[in-house]
Each structure stands twice: as structure tokens, then as C-alpha cells.
Amino acid sequence: MNRELVESLILIAAGYLAGSMLFGYFLPKYLKNMDIEQISEDHNPGTANVMKYAGIPLGLLCLFLDVMKGYLPLWCAARVVRPVSLAFAGIMAAPVIGHAFPFWRNHRGGKAIAVTFGVLLGIRQFSPSIWVLAAIYIFLSVVLVVRPNERRSVYTFFLFGAVSAASLFFGGLPGICVGNILIAAVVINRNWAGACFGRTLQEEKRRIRNADS
């Protein structure tokens, strides 16, 4: 087993463990005795819910920590593993998978948006992926105004994955392109149920309004 593969496996394991630290669950619980998962409407231990229920300062701290747990593993990986290697894709995906499917909570994690931006921030010297993802998010938030948030995330990461797949065939770094596709698949999986529920809820509200009129 060569050295780069061993280092990659260590970084994948470390990234997954870092990602599985759900700060949006731990900090409100131990600092304010609040279970964000139980009191929030979507039962998601994420930054937005922490800001809403536990306050903006604590929410910003959770946001920073979620970004950093994606950034730091990739900051380290960029110094020891080549981004052309497919092992680099696993390193990219590991913190996102850890956040979305933490082993210690029966795989019930967060929606993995902030940690994804942290991962992409960590590879910005090799790829403009973070700017591509941000541009798609802004377009679907400001121009098309896709709602609810989960549906917007599904559409955003589907487009992001499609762009990454196209880049793979036009000379993009294989490790980063495949990593982007893996991340997109994880985020879509975590947000799919919410996107479908949001559509069902909107249809029910529309039915009630029509019945009242």
C-alpha cells in the first residue's frame, strides 16, 4: 500500500469524523439547554435553525465551525494528496457525508450546505467550484426564487453536479470533479424529502384556498 493511499484513507476518516460533529446540535444543547432538532419545524440541527431559535450569535458560531470542519481537512489534504487522484474525491466528500450521516446519530444529520462551502473553500486554489455553486444558489434564490429551501438546494446541487460532470469531460481535475459529483449526490439525498414535503404542503395550502373561495 503506497504512502499517498494511506494518507488519503487517514484524511477520509478524519474528514468524516470532523463532519459528524454537529455543532448545530451540540452548542444549543449544552450552552442553552435547547434541542434544536426537536423544536424546529424541519427537525434539522442546522445553522438557520440555531439562528432562529437560539440567537444569531450562536448561529454564526455554528456556521463558522461548520465551514471550518469542511475547510480544514481539505486544507491539509491539498498538501499531501494530488487533486487529480480519485482518492481526493473521497477526501472532499468525507466531511459532507459525516455531517449528513453521522454514525453516532443513526445517520440523522444536517443538510450539509455550510460544510460543503467549507470543502470548496479548501480547494479554491485548484478549482472555481465554490464560485460556481454560489452563482447557482444566487440565481435560484434571486432570479428564479425557488422555494422552499430544500427544493432550491436540490435544484442547485443537481446543476452543480451536472456542471462538474461536464467539466470532467473537458479537462477538469478528476479528483475534484468526481468529488463535486459525490457531494452533490449527498446533499440532494439529504434535502430530497424536504423538497417533496414542501411541494405537498404548498399543494395542500392551494387546495384549502380554492375550497374557501
Protein backbone atom coordinates (compact mmCIF):
# COMPACT_ATOMS: atom_id res chain seq x y z
CA MET A 1 0.00 0.00 0.00
CA ASN A 2 1.61 3.26 -1.12
CA ARG A 3 2.04 6.28 1.10
CA GLU A 4 -0.46 8.52 -0.71
CA LEU A 5 -3.21 5.92 -0.38
CA VAL A 6 -2.55 5.53 3.36
CA GLU A 7 -2.60 9.29 3.82
CA SER A 8 -5.82 9.51 1.79
CA LEU A 9 -7.54 6.90 3.96
CA ILE A 10 -6.46 8.72 7.11
CA LEU A 11 -7.75 12.02 5.73
CA ILE A 12 -11.05 10.43 4.67
CA ALA A 13 -11.58 9.01 8.16
CA ALA A 14 -10.57 12.31 9.80
CA GLY A 15 -12.84 14.29 7.46
CA TYR A 16 -15.80 12.04 8.18
CA LEU A 17 -15.28 12.33 11.94
CA ALA A 18 -14.92 16.12 11.69
CA GLY A 19 -18.07 16.33 9.60
CA SER A 20 -20.03 14.24 12.08
CA MET A 21 -19.55 16.89 14.78
CA LEU A 22 -22.97 18.55 14.58
CA PHE A 23 -22.31 21.93 16.17
CA GLY A 24 -25.90 22.98 15.44
CA TYR A 25 -26.98 20.19 17.80
CA PHE A 26 -24.24 20.31 20.45
CA LEU A 27 -23.84 24.05 21.09
CA PRO A 28 -27.52 24.94 21.69
CA LYS A 29 -27.95 21.77 23.76
CA TYR A 30 -25.03 22.37 26.11
CA LEU A 31 -24.95 26.17 26.13
CA LYS A 32 -28.69 26.91 26.19
CA ASN A 33 -30.27 23.55 27.03
CA MET A 34 -32.15 23.57 23.72
CA ASP A 35 -32.70 20.62 21.41
CA ILE A 36 -32.79 22.34 18.02
CA GLU A 37 -33.82 19.14 16.28
CA GLN A 38 -36.92 18.77 18.43
CA ILE A 39 -38.12 22.39 18.47
CA SER A 40 -37.53 23.27 14.80
CA GLU A 41 -40.18 22.69 12.14
CA ASP A 42 -37.95 20.65 9.85
CA HIS A 43 -36.10 18.90 12.72
CA ASN A 44 -32.76 19.88 11.22
CA PRO A 45 -29.81 20.68 13.51
CA GLY A 46 -28.55 23.35 11.13
CA THR A 47 -27.27 26.91 11.28
CA ALA A 48 -30.52 28.54 10.15
CA ASN A 49 -32.49 26.86 12.94
CA VAL A 50 -29.85 27.76 15.52
CA MET A 51 -30.11 31.41 14.46
CA LYS A 52 -33.90 31.27 14.60
CA TYR A 53 -34.30 29.56 17.96
CA ALA A 54 -31.02 30.09 19.84
CA GLY A 55 -29.98 33.51 18.57
CA ILE A 56 -27.86 34.97 15.79
CA PRO A 57 -24.52 34.98 17.69
CA LEU A 58 -24.70 31.25 18.40
CA GLY A 59 -25.93 30.62 14.87
CA LEU A 60 -22.95 32.48 13.41
CA LEU A 61 -20.60 30.46 15.61
CA CYS A 62 -22.19 27.23 14.33
CA LEU A 63 -21.89 28.49 10.75
CA PHE A 64 -18.19 29.26 11.22
CA LEU A 65 -17.48 25.86 12.78
CA ASP A 66 -19.45 24.00 10.09
CA VAL A 67 -17.47 25.79 7.38
CA MET A 68 -14.18 25.11 9.13
CA LYS A 69 -14.84 21.38 9.57
CA GLY A 70 -15.09 21.20 5.79
CA TYR A 71 -12.22 23.58 5.11
CA LEU A 72 -9.51 22.20 7.41
CA PRO A 73 -9.47 18.58 6.13
CA LEU A 74 -9.15 19.86 2.57
CA TRP A 75 -6.54 22.44 3.55
CA CYS A 76 -4.48 19.55 4.91
CA ALA A 77 -5.25 17.22 2.02
CA ALA A 78 -4.15 19.76 -0.60
CA ARG A 79 -0.62 19.47 0.80
CA VAL A 80 -0.27 15.69 0.65
CA VAL A 81 -2.70 14.31 -1.96
CA ARG A 82 -2.84 15.26 -5.64
CA PRO A 83 -6.22 16.70 -6.72
CA VAL A 84 -6.06 14.61 -9.90
CA SER A 85 -6.31 11.48 -7.75
CA LEU A 86 -9.71 9.89 -7.28
CA ALA A 87 -8.79 9.47 -3.62
CA PHE A 88 -9.06 13.25 -3.42
CA ALA A 89 -12.75 12.90 -4.32
CA GLY A 90 -13.26 10.74 -1.25
CA ILE A 91 -11.48 13.28 0.92
CA MET A 92 -13.76 16.02 -0.43
CA ALA A 93 -16.92 14.02 0.18
CA ALA A 94 -15.98 12.73 3.65
CA PRO A 95 -16.86 15.83 5.77
CA VAL A 96 -20.14 16.25 3.86
CA ILE A 97 -21.06 12.60 4.37
CA GLY A 98 -20.12 12.87 8.05
CA HIS A 99 -22.38 15.88 8.52
CA ALA A 100 -25.29 14.35 6.60
CA PHE A 101 -24.95 10.83 8.02
CA PRO A 102 -23.14 10.89 11.39
CA PHE A 103 -22.57 7.38 12.72
CA TRP A 104 -23.44 8.32 16.31
CA ARG A 105 -26.98 9.55 15.48
CA ASN A 106 -28.20 6.64 13.39
CA HIS A 107 -27.23 8.61 10.27
CA ARG A 108 -29.63 11.51 11.06
CA GLY A 109 -27.57 14.58 10.32
CA GLY A 110 -27.88 18.01 8.77
CA LYS A 111 -28.45 19.23 5.24
CA ALA A 112 -24.73 19.74 4.61
CA ILE A 113 -24.78 23.14 2.91
CA ALA A 114 -22.30 25.06 5.10
CA VAL A 115 -19.82 22.18 5.30
CA THR A 116 -19.93 21.90 1.51
CA PHE A 117 -18.91 25.52 1.13
CA GLY A 118 -16.11 24.84 3.60
CA VAL A 119 -14.85 21.94 1.49
CA LEU A 120 -14.96 24.00 -1.69
CA LEU A 121 -13.22 26.88 0.07
CA GLY A 122 -10.41 24.47 0.88
CA ILE A 123 -9.81 23.68 -2.82
CA ARG A 124 -10.27 27.17 -4.22
CA GLN A 125 -6.62 27.28 -5.37
CA PHE A 126 -7.31 24.33 -7.68
CA SER A 127 -10.89 24.92 -8.79
CA PRO A 128 -13.54 27.68 -9.03
CA SER A 129 -16.16 25.24 -7.71
CA ILE A 130 -17.12 27.45 -4.78
CA TRP A 131 -17.92 30.35 -7.12
CA VAL A 132 -19.91 28.09 -9.44
CA LEU A 133 -22.02 26.79 -6.53
CA ALA A 134 -22.51 30.28 -5.11
CA ALA A 135 -23.58 31.64 -8.51
CA ILE A 136 -26.16 28.87 -8.96
CA TYR A 137 -27.52 29.45 -5.46
CA ILE A 138 -27.83 33.19 -6.06
CA PHE A 139 -29.53 32.66 -9.42
CA LEU A 140 -32.12 30.27 -7.95
CA SER A 141 -32.60 32.49 -4.88
CA VAL A 142 -32.81 35.94 -6.50
CA VAL A 143 -33.74 35.46 -10.15
CA LEU A 144 -35.98 32.37 -10.21
CA VAL A 145 -36.79 32.48 -6.46
CA VAL A 146 -37.21 28.74 -6.00
CA ARG A 147 -38.94 27.71 -2.76
CA PRO A 148 -38.86 26.02 -0.30
CA ASN A 149 -35.20 25.99 0.71
CA GLU A 150 -34.87 22.23 0.33
CA ARG A 151 -36.16 22.31 -3.25
CA ARG A 152 -33.76 25.14 -4.06
CA SER A 153 -30.91 23.06 -2.64
CA VAL A 154 -31.93 20.03 -4.71
CA TYR A 155 -32.04 22.09 -7.92
CA THR A 156 -28.80 23.88 -7.06
CA PHE A 157 -26.80 20.74 -6.41
CA PHE A 158 -28.28 18.95 -9.41
CA LEU A 159 -27.00 21.77 -11.62
CA PHE A 160 -23.71 21.85 -9.73
CA GLY A 161 -23.25 18.13 -10.25
CA ALA A 162 -24.11 18.47 -13.94
CA VAL A 163 -21.56 21.26 -14.40
CA SER A 164 -18.94 19.16 -12.60
CA ALA A 165 -19.70 16.14 -14.79
CA ALA A 166 -19.31 18.30 -17.90
CA SER A 167 -16.03 19.69 -16.55
CA LEU A 168 -14.73 16.15 -16.12
CA PHE A 169 -15.07 15.60 -19.87
CA PHE A 170 -13.48 18.94 -20.73
CA GLY A 171 -10.23 18.67 -18.83
CA GLY A 172 -11.22 19.33 -15.22
CA LEU A 173 -9.21 17.73 -12.43
CA PRO A 174 -10.73 14.23 -11.97
CA GLY A 175 -10.46 14.18 -8.18
CA ILE A 176 -12.24 17.50 -7.80
CA CYS A 177 -14.89 16.86 -10.46
CA VAL A 178 -15.81 13.46 -9.01
CA GLY A 179 -15.69 14.94 -5.51
CA ASN A 180 -18.17 17.63 -6.55
CA ILE A 181 -20.48 14.99 -8.01
CA LEU A 182 -20.33 12.90 -4.83
CA ILE A 183 -21.07 15.96 -2.70
CA ALA A 184 -23.99 16.91 -4.94
CA ALA A 185 -25.45 13.41 -4.57
CA VAL A 186 -25.19 13.53 -0.76
CA VAL A 187 -26.80 16.98 -0.46
CA ILE A 188 -29.61 16.06 -2.87
CA ASN A 189 -30.28 12.93 -0.84
CA ARG A 190 -30.48 14.88 2.44
CA ASN A 191 -32.76 17.58 1.01
CA TRP A 192 -34.99 15.44 -1.23
CA ALA A 193 -37.59 14.56 1.41
CA GLY A 194 -37.93 18.19 2.47
CA ALA A 195 -38.30 19.31 -1.15
CA CYS A 196 -41.10 16.80 -1.75
CA PHE A 197 -42.80 17.64 1.56
CA GLY A 198 -42.62 21.33 0.73
CA ARG A 199 -44.32 20.72 -2.59
CA THR A 200 -47.02 18.65 -0.94
CA LEU A 201 -47.59 21.32 1.70
CA GLN A 202 -47.92 24.06 -0.92
CA GLU A 203 -50.42 21.98 -2.88
CA GLU A 204 -52.47 21.42 0.29
CA LYS A 205 -52.49 25.14 1.07
CA ARG A 206 -53.58 25.88 -2.50
CA ARG A 207 -56.37 23.31 -2.21
CA ILE A 208 -57.60 24.90 1.01
CA ARG A 209 -57.57 28.38 -0.52
CA ASN A 210 -59.53 27.15 -3.53
CA ALA A 211 -62.05 25.43 -1.29
CA ASP A 212 -62.54 28.61 0.78
CA SER A 213 -63.07 30.73 -2.32
